[in-house]
Amino acid sequence: MATLEQLDSFHQFAAEQLDNGGADLTIDELFSRWRMDNPTPSERDEVNAIIRRGLEDIAAGRSRDADEVTEELRVKHGIPSE
């Protein structure tokens, strides 16, 4: 359920976006952008849990170098190297 504080926050965010070159944005696009900056407590908890699992994977050696993965994907999809 929306609170007056959330509505005020969205209104301020939307006004700032429109004033700063976002006049072509739809209300849905504005809301999506606002939601990215204002997750619900459960969304925040979920993101934090994902980050914790990632850090645990790194600490346990369950990770790969980004350059290695990028090269593998480039070859797999036939993308020429730059």
PDB file of N, CA and C in Angstrom:
ATOM      1  N   MET A   1       0.843  -1.168   0.000  1.00  0.00           N
ATOM      2  CA  MET A   1       0.000   0.000   0.000  1.00  0.00           C
ATOM      3  C   MET A   1       0.900   1.247   0.000  1.00  0.00           C
ATOM      4  N   ALA A   2       0.578   2.171  -0.857  1.00  0.00           N
ATOM      5  CA  ALA A   2       1.368   3.395  -0.977  1.00  0.00           C
ATOM      6  C   ALA A   2       1.142   4.298   0.226  1.00  0.00           C
ATOM      7  N   THR A   3       2.217   4.961   0.627  1.00  0.00           N
ATOM      8  CA  THR A   3       2.127   5.926   1.711  1.00  0.00           C
ATOM      9  C   THR A   3       2.254   7.328   1.133  1.00  0.00           C
ATOM     10  N   LEU A   4       1.850   8.304   1.895  1.00  0.00           N
ATOM     11  CA  LEU A   4       1.981   9.689   1.457  1.00  0.00           C
ATOM     12  C   LEU A   4       3.451  10.029   1.226  1.00  0.00           C
ATOM     13  N   GLU A   5       4.329   9.483   2.055  1.00  0.00           N
ATOM     14  CA  GLU A   5       5.765   9.715   1.892  1.00  0.00           C
ATOM     15  C   GLU A   5       6.262   9.175   0.551  1.00  0.00           C
ATOM     16  N   GLN A   6       5.800   7.979   0.164  1.00  0.00           N
ATOM     17  CA  GLN A   6       6.194   7.404  -1.119  1.00  0.00           C
ATOM     18  C   GLN A   6       5.669   8.238  -2.279  1.00  0.00           C
ATOM     19  N   LEU A   7       4.426   8.681  -2.169  1.00  0.00           N
ATOM     20  CA  LEU A   7       3.851   9.505  -3.235  1.00  0.00           C
ATOM     21  C   LEU A   7       4.611  10.820  -3.375  1.00  0.00           C
ATOM     22  N   ASP A   8       4.947  11.434  -2.258  1.00  0.00           N
ATOM     23  CA  ASP A   8       5.726  12.675  -2.288  1.00  0.00           C
ATOM     24  C   ASP A   8       7.097  12.430  -2.917  1.00  0.00           C
ATOM     25  N   SER A   9       7.725  11.316  -2.549  1.00  0.00           N
ATOM     26  CA  SER A   9       9.034  10.973  -3.086  1.00  0.00           C
ATOM     27  C   SER A   9       8.961  10.782  -4.598  1.00  0.00           C
ATOM     28  N   PHE A  10       7.941  10.054  -5.062  1.00  0.00           N
ATOM     29  CA  PHE A  10       7.792   9.840  -6.499  1.00  0.00           C
ATOM     30  C   PHE A  10       7.508  11.157  -7.212  1.00  0.00           C
ATOM     31  N   HIS A  11       6.665  11.972  -6.641  1.00  0.00           N
ATOM     32  CA  HIS A  11       6.328  13.258  -7.255  1.00  0.00           C
ATOM     33  C   HIS A  11       7.582  14.116  -7.421  1.00  0.00           C
ATOM     34  N   GLN A  12       8.399  14.198  -6.375  1.00  0.00           N
ATOM     35  CA  GLN A  12       9.629  14.980  -6.435  1.00  0.00           C
ATOM     36  C   GLN A  12      10.582  14.402  -7.483  1.00  0.00           C
ATOM     37  N   PHE A  13      10.735  13.070  -7.486  1.00  0.00           N
ATOM     38  CA  PHE A  13      11.601  12.402  -8.453  1.00  0.00           C
ATOM     39  C   PHE A  13      11.129  12.681  -9.877  1.00  0.00           C
ATOM     40  N   ALA A  14       9.834  12.513 -10.126  1.00  0.00           N
ATOM     41  CA  ALA A  14       9.284  12.712 -11.468  1.00  0.00           C
ATOM     42  C   ALA A  14       9.476  14.154 -11.929  1.00  0.00           C
ATOM     43  N   ALA A  15       9.233  15.108 -11.039  1.00  0.00           N
ATOM     44  CA  ALA A  15       9.412  16.515 -11.395  1.00  0.00           C
ATOM     45  C   ALA A  15      10.866  16.799 -11.767  1.00  0.00           C
ATOM     46  N   GLU A  16      11.804  16.242 -11.008  1.00  0.00           N
ATOM     47  CA  GLU A  16      13.225  16.431 -11.302  1.00  0.00           C
ATOM     48  C   GLU A  16      13.594  15.822 -12.651  1.00  0.00           C
ATOM     49  N   GLN A  17      13.067  14.637 -12.936  1.00  0.00           N
ATOM     50  CA  GLN A  17      13.346  13.984 -14.211  1.00  0.00           C
ATOM     51  C   GLN A  17      12.820  14.820 -15.371  1.00  0.00           C
ATOM     52  N   LEU A  18      11.608  15.325 -15.231  1.00  0.00           N
ATOM     53  CA  LEU A  18      11.008  16.132 -16.297  1.00  0.00           C
ATOM     54  C   LEU A  18      11.771  17.436 -16.498  1.00  0.00           C
ATOM     55  N   ASP A  19      12.263  18.015 -15.421  1.00  0.00           N
ATOM     56  CA  ASP A  19      13.029  19.267 -15.506  1.00  0.00           C
ATOM     57  C   ASP A  19      14.420  19.065 -16.099  1.00  0.00           C
ATOM     58  N   ASN A  20      14.917  17.828 -16.049  1.00  0.00           N
ATOM     59  CA  ASN A  20      16.283  17.548 -16.496  1.00  0.00           C
ATOM     60  C   ASN A  20      16.327  16.716 -17.771  1.00  0.00           C
ATOM     61  N   GLY A  21      15.470  17.028 -18.706  1.00  0.00           N
ATOM     62  CA  GLY A  21      15.532  16.378 -20.011  1.00  0.00           C
ATOM     63  C   GLY A  21      14.708  15.125 -20.166  1.00  0.00           C
ATOM     64  N   GLY A  22      13.874  14.801 -19.206  1.00  0.00           N
ATOM     65  CA  GLY A  22      13.083  13.580 -19.294  1.00  0.00           C
ATOM     66  C   GLY A  22      11.651  13.810 -19.734  1.00  0.00           C
ATOM     67  N   ALA A  23      11.404  14.888 -20.446  1.00  0.00           N
ATOM     68  CA  ALA A  23      10.032  15.231 -20.832  1.00  0.00           C
ATOM     69  C   ALA A  23       9.386  14.190 -21.740  1.00  0.00           C
ATOM     70  N   ASP A  24      10.193  13.370 -22.400  1.00  0.00           N
ATOM     71  CA  ASP A  24       9.639  12.355 -23.302  1.00  0.00           C
ATOM     72  C   ASP A  24       9.340  11.031 -22.596  1.00  0.00           C
ATOM     73  N   LEU A  25       9.601  10.951 -21.297  1.00  0.00           N
ATOM     74  CA  LEU A  25       9.351   9.720 -20.544  1.00  0.00           C
ATOM     75  C   LEU A  25       7.864   9.556 -20.244  1.00  0.00           C
ATOM     76  N   THR A  26       7.410   8.312 -20.282  1.00  0.00           N
ATOM     77  CA  THR A  26       6.028   8.029 -19.898  1.00  0.00           C
ATOM     78  C   THR A  26       5.963   7.901 -18.383  1.00  0.00           C
ATOM     79  N   ILE A  27       4.759   7.903 -17.851  1.00  0.00           N
ATOM     80  CA  ILE A  27       4.585   7.730 -16.409  1.00  0.00           C
ATOM     81  C   ILE A  27       5.128   6.375 -15.964  1.00  0.00           C
ATOM     82  N   ASP A  28       4.948   5.336 -16.804  1.00  0.00           N
ATOM     83  CA  ASP A  28       5.462   4.009 -16.474  1.00  0.00           C
ATOM     84  C   ASP A  28       6.993   4.002 -16.431  1.00  0.00           C
ATOM     85  N   GLU A  29       7.618   4.714 -17.375  1.00  0.00           N
ATOM     86  CA  GLU A  29       9.082   4.786 -17.376  1.00  0.00           C
ATOM     87  C   GLU A  29       9.584   5.548 -16.147  1.00  0.00           C
ATOM     88  N   LEU A  30       8.901   6.628 -15.804  1.00  0.00           N
ATOM     89  CA  LEU A  30       9.269   7.382 -14.615  1.00  0.00           C
ATOM     90  C   LEU A  30       9.149   6.504 -13.364  1.00  0.00           C
ATOM     91  N   PHE A  31       8.051   5.756 -13.278  1.00  0.00           N
ATOM     92  CA  PHE A  31       7.840   4.907 -12.113  1.00  0.00           C
ATOM     93  C   PHE A  31       8.895   3.803 -12.034  1.00  0.00           C
ATOM     94  N   SER A  32       9.229   3.215 -13.172  1.00  0.00           N
ATOM     95  CA  SER A  32      10.265   2.165 -13.188  1.00  0.00           C
ATOM     96  C   SER A  32      11.601   2.716 -12.712  1.00  0.00           C
ATOM     97  N   ARG A  33      11.937   3.906 -13.157  1.00  0.00           N
ATOM     98  CA  ARG A  33      13.196   4.519 -12.720  1.00  0.00           C
ATOM     99  C   ARG A  33      13.164   4.816 -11.223  1.00  0.00           C
ATOM    100  N   TRP A  34      12.038   5.317 -10.745  1.00  0.00           N
ATOM    101  CA  TRP A  34      11.911   5.624  -9.320  1.00  0.00           C
ATOM    102  C   TRP A  34      12.023   4.352  -8.484  1.00  0.00           C
ATOM    103  N   ARG A  35      11.399   3.265  -8.956  1.00  0.00           N
ATOM    104  CA  ARG A  35      11.433   1.993  -8.228  1.00  0.00           C
ATOM    105  C   ARG A  35      12.852   1.444  -8.129  1.00  0.00           C
ATOM    106  N   MET A  36      13.680   1.695  -9.134  1.00  0.00           N
ATOM    107  CA  MET A  36      15.069   1.242  -9.071  1.00  0.00           C
ATOM    108  C   MET A  36      15.791   1.907  -7.900  1.00  0.00           C
ATOM    109  N   ASP A  37      15.460   3.145  -7.632  1.00  0.00           N
ATOM    110  CA  ASP A  37      16.089   3.891  -6.535  1.00  0.00           C
ATOM    111  C   ASP A  37      15.368   3.702  -5.203  1.00  0.00           C
ATOM    112  N   ASN A  38      14.186   3.113  -5.231  1.00  0.00           N
ATOM    113  CA  ASN A  38      13.365   2.980  -4.023  1.00  0.00           C
ATOM    114  C   ASN A  38      12.782   1.571  -3.904  1.00  0.00           C
ATOM    115  N   PRO A  39      13.639   0.573  -3.738  1.00  0.00           N
ATOM    116  CA  PRO A  39      13.117  -0.799  -3.639  1.00  0.00           C
ATOM    117  C   PRO A  39      12.345  -1.012  -2.337  1.00  0.00           C
ATOM    118  N   THR A  40      11.470  -2.005  -2.378  1.00  0.00           N
ATOM    119  CA  THR A  40      10.751  -2.374  -1.161  1.00  0.00           C
ATOM    120  C   THR A  40      11.735  -3.077  -0.227  1.00  0.00           C
ATOM    121  N   PRO A  41      11.410  -3.175   1.050  1.00  0.00           N
ATOM    122  CA  PRO A  41      12.300  -3.900   1.968  1.00  0.00           C
ATOM    123  C   PRO A  41      12.572  -5.336   1.512  1.00  0.00           C
ATOM    124  N   SER A  42      11.569  -6.020   0.981  1.00  0.00           N
ATOM    125  CA  SER A  42      11.801  -7.402   0.537  1.00  0.00           C
ATOM    126  C   SER A  42      12.700  -7.443  -0.694  1.00  0.00           C
ATOM    127  N   GLU A  43      12.567  -6.473  -1.599  1.00  0.00           N
ATOM    128  CA  GLU A  43      13.452  -6.418  -2.757  1.00  0.00           C
ATOM    129  C   GLU A  43      14.890  -6.137  -2.318  1.00  0.00           C
ATOM    130  N   ARG A  44      15.045  -5.240  -1.358  1.00  0.00           N
ATOM    131  CA  ARG A  44      16.375  -4.917  -0.838  1.00  0.00           C
ATOM    132  C   ARG A  44      16.994  -6.151  -0.179  1.00  0.00           C
ATOM    133  N   ASP A  45      16.192  -6.884   0.602  1.00  0.00           N
ATOM    134  CA  ASP A  45      16.682  -8.106   1.247  1.00  0.00           C
ATOM    135  C   ASP A  45      17.120  -9.138   0.214  1.00  0.00           C
ATOM    136  N   GLU A  46      16.337  -9.270  -0.855  1.00  0.00           N
ATOM    137  CA  GLU A  46      16.664 -10.232  -1.909  1.00  0.00           C
ATOM    138  C   GLU A  46      17.978  -9.870  -2.595  1.00  0.00           C
ATOM    139  N   VAL A  47      18.169  -8.603  -2.911  1.00  0.00           N
ATOM    140  CA  VAL A  47      19.412  -8.159  -3.546  1.00  0.00           C
ATOM    141  C   VAL A  47      20.597  -8.388  -2.610  1.00  0.00           C
ATOM    142  N   ASN A  48      20.426  -8.060  -1.339  1.00  0.00           N
ATOM    143  CA  ASN A  48      21.509  -8.271  -0.377  1.00  0.00           C
ATOM    144  C   ASN A  48      21.872  -9.747  -0.250  1.00  0.00           C
ATOM    145  N   ALA A  49      20.873 -10.626  -0.294  1.00  0.00           N
ATOM    146  CA  ALA A  49      21.135 -12.068  -0.220  1.00  0.00           C
ATOM    147  C   ALA A  49      21.909 -12.535  -1.447  1.00  0.00           C
ATOM    148  N   ILE A  50      21.567 -12.020  -2.611  1.00  0.00           N
ATOM    149  CA  ILE A  50      22.273 -12.380  -3.844  1.00  0.00           C
ATOM    150  C   ILE A  50      23.729 -11.910  -3.769  1.00  0.00           C
ATOM    151  N   ILE A  51      23.935 -10.700  -3.275  1.00  0.00           N
ATOM    152  CA  ILE A  51      25.299 -10.185  -3.134  1.00  0.00           C
ATOM    153  C   ILE A  51      26.094 -11.038  -2.152  1.00  0.00           C
ATOM    154  N   ARG A  52      25.471 -11.397  -1.024  1.00  0.00           N
ATOM    155  CA  ARG A  52      26.162 -12.248  -0.043  1.00  0.00           C
ATOM    156  C   ARG A  52      26.573 -13.580  -0.662  1.00  0.00           C
ATOM    157  N   ARG A  53      25.661 -14.209  -1.425  1.00  0.00           N
ATOM    158  CA  ARG A  53      25.989 -15.484  -2.074  1.00  0.00           C
ATOM    159  C   ARG A  53      27.144 -15.310  -3.059  1.00  0.00           C
ATOM    160  N   GLY A  54      27.146 -14.203  -3.793  1.00  0.00           N
ATOM    161  CA  GLY A  54      28.235 -13.942  -4.729  1.00  0.00           C
ATOM    162  C   GLY A  54      29.568 -13.784  -4.019  1.00  0.00           C
ATOM    163  N   LEU A  55      29.556 -13.059  -2.919  1.00  0.00           N
ATOM    164  CA  LEU A  55      30.796 -12.886  -2.146  1.00  0.00           C
ATOM    165  C   LEU A  55      31.271 -14.208  -1.555  1.00  0.00           C
ATOM    166  N   GLU A  56      30.331 -15.043  -1.125  1.00  0.00           N
ATOM    167  CA  GLU A  56      30.693 -16.371  -0.616  1.00  0.00           C
ATOM    168  C   GLU A  56      31.309 -17.217  -1.723  1.00  0.00           C
ATOM    169  N   ASP A  57      30.729 -17.127  -2.935  1.00  0.00           N
ATOM    170  CA  ASP A  57      31.285 -17.870  -4.073  1.00  0.00           C
ATOM    171  C   ASP A  57      32.715 -17.428  -4.366  1.00  0.00           C
ATOM    172  N   ILE A  58      32.948 -16.127  -4.341  1.00  0.00           N
ATOM    173  CA  ILE A  58      34.297 -15.615  -4.595  1.00  0.00           C
ATOM    174  C   ILE A  58      35.258 -16.117  -3.525  1.00  0.00           C
ATOM    175  N   ALA A  59      34.855 -16.023  -2.275  1.00  0.00           N
ATOM    176  CA  ALA A  59      35.715 -16.458  -1.168  1.00  0.00           C
ATOM    177  C   ALA A  59      36.028 -17.951  -1.257  1.00  0.00           C
ATOM    178  N   ALA A  60      35.089 -18.731  -1.791  1.00  0.00           N
ATOM    179  CA  ALA A  60      35.285 -20.178  -1.901  1.00  0.00           C
ATOM    180  C   ALA A  60      35.958 -20.574  -3.213  1.00  0.00           C
ATOM    181  N   GLY A  61      36.324 -19.580  -4.027  1.00  0.00           N
ATOM    182  CA  GLY A  61      37.006 -19.882  -5.285  1.00  0.00           C
ATOM    183  C   GLY A  61      36.083 -20.300  -6.406  1.00  0.00           C
ATOM    184  N   ARG A  62      34.797 -20.053  -6.263  1.00  0.00           N
ATOM    185  CA  ARG A  62      33.828 -20.413  -7.305  1.00  0.00           C
ATOM    186  C   ARG A  62      33.552 -19.196  -8.198  1.00  0.00           C
ATOM    187  N   SER A  63      34.603 -18.716  -8.849  1.00  0.00           N
ATOM    188  CA  SER A  63      34.454 -17.576  -9.750  1.00  0.00           C
ATOM    189  C   SER A  63      35.426 -17.729 -10.907  1.00  0.00           C
ATOM    190  N   ARG A  64      35.188 -16.930 -11.964  1.00  0.00           N
ATOM    191  CA  ARG A  64      36.065 -16.953 -13.132  1.00  0.00           C
ATOM    192  C   ARG A  64      36.409 -15.522 -13.502  1.00  0.00           C
ATOM    193  N   ASP A  65      37.548 -15.353 -14.126  1.00  0.00           N
ATOM    194  CA  ASP A  65      37.991 -14.057 -14.582  1.00  0.00           C
ATOM    195  C   ASP A  65      37.036 -13.527 -15.662  1.00  0.00           C
ATOM    196  N   ALA A  66      36.678 -12.265 -15.567  1.00  0.00           N
ATOM    197  CA  ALA A  66      35.732 -11.665 -16.512  1.00  0.00           C
ATOM    198  C   ALA A  66      36.257 -11.726 -17.948  1.00  0.00           C
ATOM    199  N   ASP A  67      37.553 -11.514 -18.139  1.00  0.00           N
ATOM    200  CA  ASP A  67      38.125 -11.588 -19.486  1.00  0.00           C
ATOM    201  C   ASP A  67      37.987 -12.989 -20.074  1.00  0.00           C
ATOM    202  N   GLU A  68      38.149 -13.993 -19.243  1.00  0.00           N
ATOM    203  CA  GLU A  68      38.010 -15.388 -19.693  1.00  0.00           C
ATOM    204  C   GLU A  68      36.574 -15.663 -20.141  1.00  0.00           C
ATOM    205  N   VAL A  69      35.624 -15.225 -19.355  1.00  0.00           N
ATOM    206  CA  VAL A  69      34.210 -15.443 -19.685  1.00  0.00           C
ATOM    207  C   VAL A  69      33.840 -14.666 -20.944  1.00  0.00           C
ATOM    208  N   THR A  70      34.316 -13.425 -21.043  1.00  0.00           N
ATOM    209  CA  THR A  70      34.023 -12.601 -22.219  1.00  0.00           C
ATOM    210  C   THR A  70      34.558 -13.253 -23.485  1.00  0.00           C
ATOM    211  N   GLU A  71      35.782 -13.752 -23.423  1.00  0.00           N
ATOM    212  CA  GLU A  71      36.382 -14.417 -24.581  1.00  0.00           C
ATOM    213  C   GLU A  71      35.594 -15.671 -24.954  1.00  0.00           C
ATOM    214  N   GLU A  72      35.191 -16.440 -23.958  1.00  0.00           N
ATOM    215  CA  GLU A  72      34.408 -17.650 -24.209  1.00  0.00           C
ATOM    216  C   GLU A  72      33.089 -17.310 -24.908  1.00  0.00           C
ATOM    217  N   LEU A  73      32.413 -16.282 -24.439  1.00  0.00           N
ATOM    218  CA  LEU A  73      31.142 -15.868 -25.052  1.00  0.00           C
ATOM    219  C   LEU A  73      31.357 -15.314 -26.459  1.00  0.00           C
ATOM    220  N   ARG A  74      32.451 -14.562 -26.652  1.00  0.00           N
ATOM    221  CA  ARG A  74      32.758 -14.014 -27.965  1.00  0.00           C
ATOM    222  C   ARG A  74      32.933 -15.130 -28.980  1.00  0.00           C
ATOM    223  N   VAL A  75      33.699 -16.157 -28.609  1.00  0.00           N
ATOM    224  CA  VAL A  75      33.934 -17.287 -29.500  1.00  0.00           C
ATOM    225  C   VAL A  75      32.638 -18.058 -29.740  1.00  0.00           C
ATOM    226  N   LYS A  76      31.910 -18.305 -28.676  1.00  0.00           N
ATOM    227  CA  LYS A  76      30.656 -19.085 -28.780  1.00  0.00           C
ATOM    228  C   LYS A  76      29.660 -18.431 -29.726  1.00  0.00           C
ATOM    229  N   HIS A  77      29.602 -17.109 -29.718  1.00  0.00           N
ATOM    230  CA  HIS A  77      28.603 -16.391 -30.509  1.00  0.00           C
ATOM    231  C   HIS A  77      29.178 -15.789 -31.786  1.00  0.00           C
ATOM    232  N   GLY A  78      30.422 -16.122 -32.088  1.00  0.00           N
ATOM    233  CA  GLY A  78      31.021 -15.676 -33.345  1.00  0.00           C
ATOM    234  C   GLY A  78      31.232 -14.181 -33.428  1.00  0.00           C
ATOM    235  N   ILE A  79      31.536 -13.553 -32.319  1.00  0.00           N
ATOM    236  CA  ILE A  79      31.765 -12.102 -32.312  1.00  0.00           C
ATOM    237  C   ILE A  79      33.264 -11.872 -32.483  1.00  0.00           C
ATOM    238  N   PRO A  80      33.640 -11.128 -33.516  1.00  0.00           N
ATOM    239  CA  PRO A  80      35.069 -10.912 -33.742  1.00  0.00           C
ATOM    240  C   PRO A  80      35.696 -10.079 -32.620  1.00  0.00           C
ATOM    241  N   SER A  81      36.966 -10.355 -32.356  1.00  0.00           N
ATOM    242  CA  SER A  81      37.671  -9.565 -31.338  1.00  0.00           C
ATOM    243  C   SER A  81      38.003  -8.205 -31.911  1.00  0.00           C
ATOM    244  N   GLU A  82      38.133  -7.248 -31.026  1.00  0.00           N
ATOM    245  CA  GLU A  82      38.382  -5.875 -31.496  1.00  0.00           C
ATOM    246  C   GLU A  82      39.845  -5.615 -31.659  1.00  0.00           C
TER     247      GLU A  82
END
